[in-house]
């Protein structure tokens, strides 16, 4: 990379104190809320509930068929 010459020259004091006014402070920001359950976990639970519901419906249909035949 080519060096760029500055028009200003750095000058350090020979006497006295050198002070720097770069003070770092903590900055508070809004808390980020994380979901208790991940989206994947919620999808899996919904799929499981749907599967259980279809099994219940099938069992009810089988019961109804058995009652009609008896």
Protein backbone atom coordinates (compact mmCIF):
# COMPACT_ATOMS: atom_id res chain seq x y z
CA UNK A 1 0.00 0.00 0.00
CA UNK A 2 1.39 3.42 -0.85
CA UNK A 3 2.21 5.72 2.04
CA UNK A 4 0.43 9.04 2.13
CA UNK A 5 2.47 11.95 3.47
CA UNK A 6 0.55 14.16 5.82
CA UNK A 7 0.76 17.96 5.69
CA UNK A 8 0.85 17.95 9.48
CA UNK A 9 3.77 16.85 11.55
CA UNK A 10 3.31 15.12 14.92
CA UNK A 11 4.63 17.25 17.78
CA UNK A 12 5.18 15.85 21.27
CA UNK A 13 5.77 18.22 24.18
CA UNK A 14 9.25 18.26 25.68
CA UNK A 15 8.00 19.62 29.03
CA UNK A 16 4.78 19.38 30.97
CA UNK A 17 2.09 16.76 30.90
CA UNK A 18 0.51 15.05 27.99
CA UNK A 19 -3.21 14.56 28.48
CA UNK A 20 -5.53 12.40 26.50
CA UNK A 21 -9.26 13.05 26.70
CA UNK A 22 -10.39 9.70 25.39
CA UNK A 23 -12.41 8.36 28.32
CA UNK A 24 -14.18 5.06 27.84
CA UNK A 25 -17.46 4.65 29.64
CA UNK A 26 -20.04 1.90 29.71
CA UNK A 27 -23.04 2.46 27.49
CA UNK A 28 -26.29 0.82 28.46
CA UNK A 29 -28.51 -0.48 25.71
CA UNK A 30 -31.94 -2.07 25.63
CA UNK A 31 -31.98 -5.70 26.70
CA UNK A 32 -32.57 -8.20 23.94
CA UNK A 33 -35.30 -10.65 24.86
CA UNK A 34 -34.71 -14.21 23.76
CA UNK A 35 -37.60 -16.61 23.25
CA UNK A 36 -37.92 -19.35 25.85
CA UNK A 37 -38.46 -21.87 23.07
CA UNK A 38 -36.77 -21.84 19.72
CA UNK A 39 -38.86 -21.67 16.57
CA UNK A 40 -37.77 -25.19 15.64
CA UNK A 41 -38.95 -26.52 18.99
CA UNK A 42 -42.31 -24.81 18.56
CA UNK A 43 -42.72 -26.31 15.06
CA UNK A 44 -41.88 -29.77 16.38
CA UNK A 45 -44.43 -29.42 19.19
CA UNK A 46 -47.12 -28.31 16.72
CA UNK A 47 -46.34 -31.28 14.47
CA UNK A 48 -46.52 -33.65 17.45
CA UNK A 49 -49.86 -32.20 18.59
CA UNK A 50 -51.25 -32.52 15.06
CA UNK A 51 -50.11 -36.16 14.87
CA UNK A 52 -51.68 -36.95 18.25
CA UNK A 53 -54.93 -35.30 17.16
CA UNK A 54 -55.12 -37.39 13.97
CA UNK A 55 -54.45 -40.55 16.01
CA UNK A 56 -57.30 -39.62 18.39
CA UNK A 57 -59.62 -39.02 15.45
CA UNK A 58 -58.71 -42.40 13.92
CA UNK A 59 -59.28 -44.17 17.25
CA UNK A 60 -62.69 -42.46 17.62
CA UNK A 61 -63.61 -43.49 14.07
CA UNK A 62 -62.63 -47.12 14.81
CA UNK A 63 -64.71 -47.09 18.02
CA UNK A 64 -67.73 -45.75 16.14
CA UNK A 65 -67.34 -48.47 13.48
CA UNK A 66 -67.14 -51.20 16.13
CA UNK A 67 -70.24 -49.89 17.92
CA UNK A 68 -72.19 -49.84 14.64
CA UNK A 69 -71.24 -53.41 13.78
CA UNK A 70 -72.25 -54.75 17.25
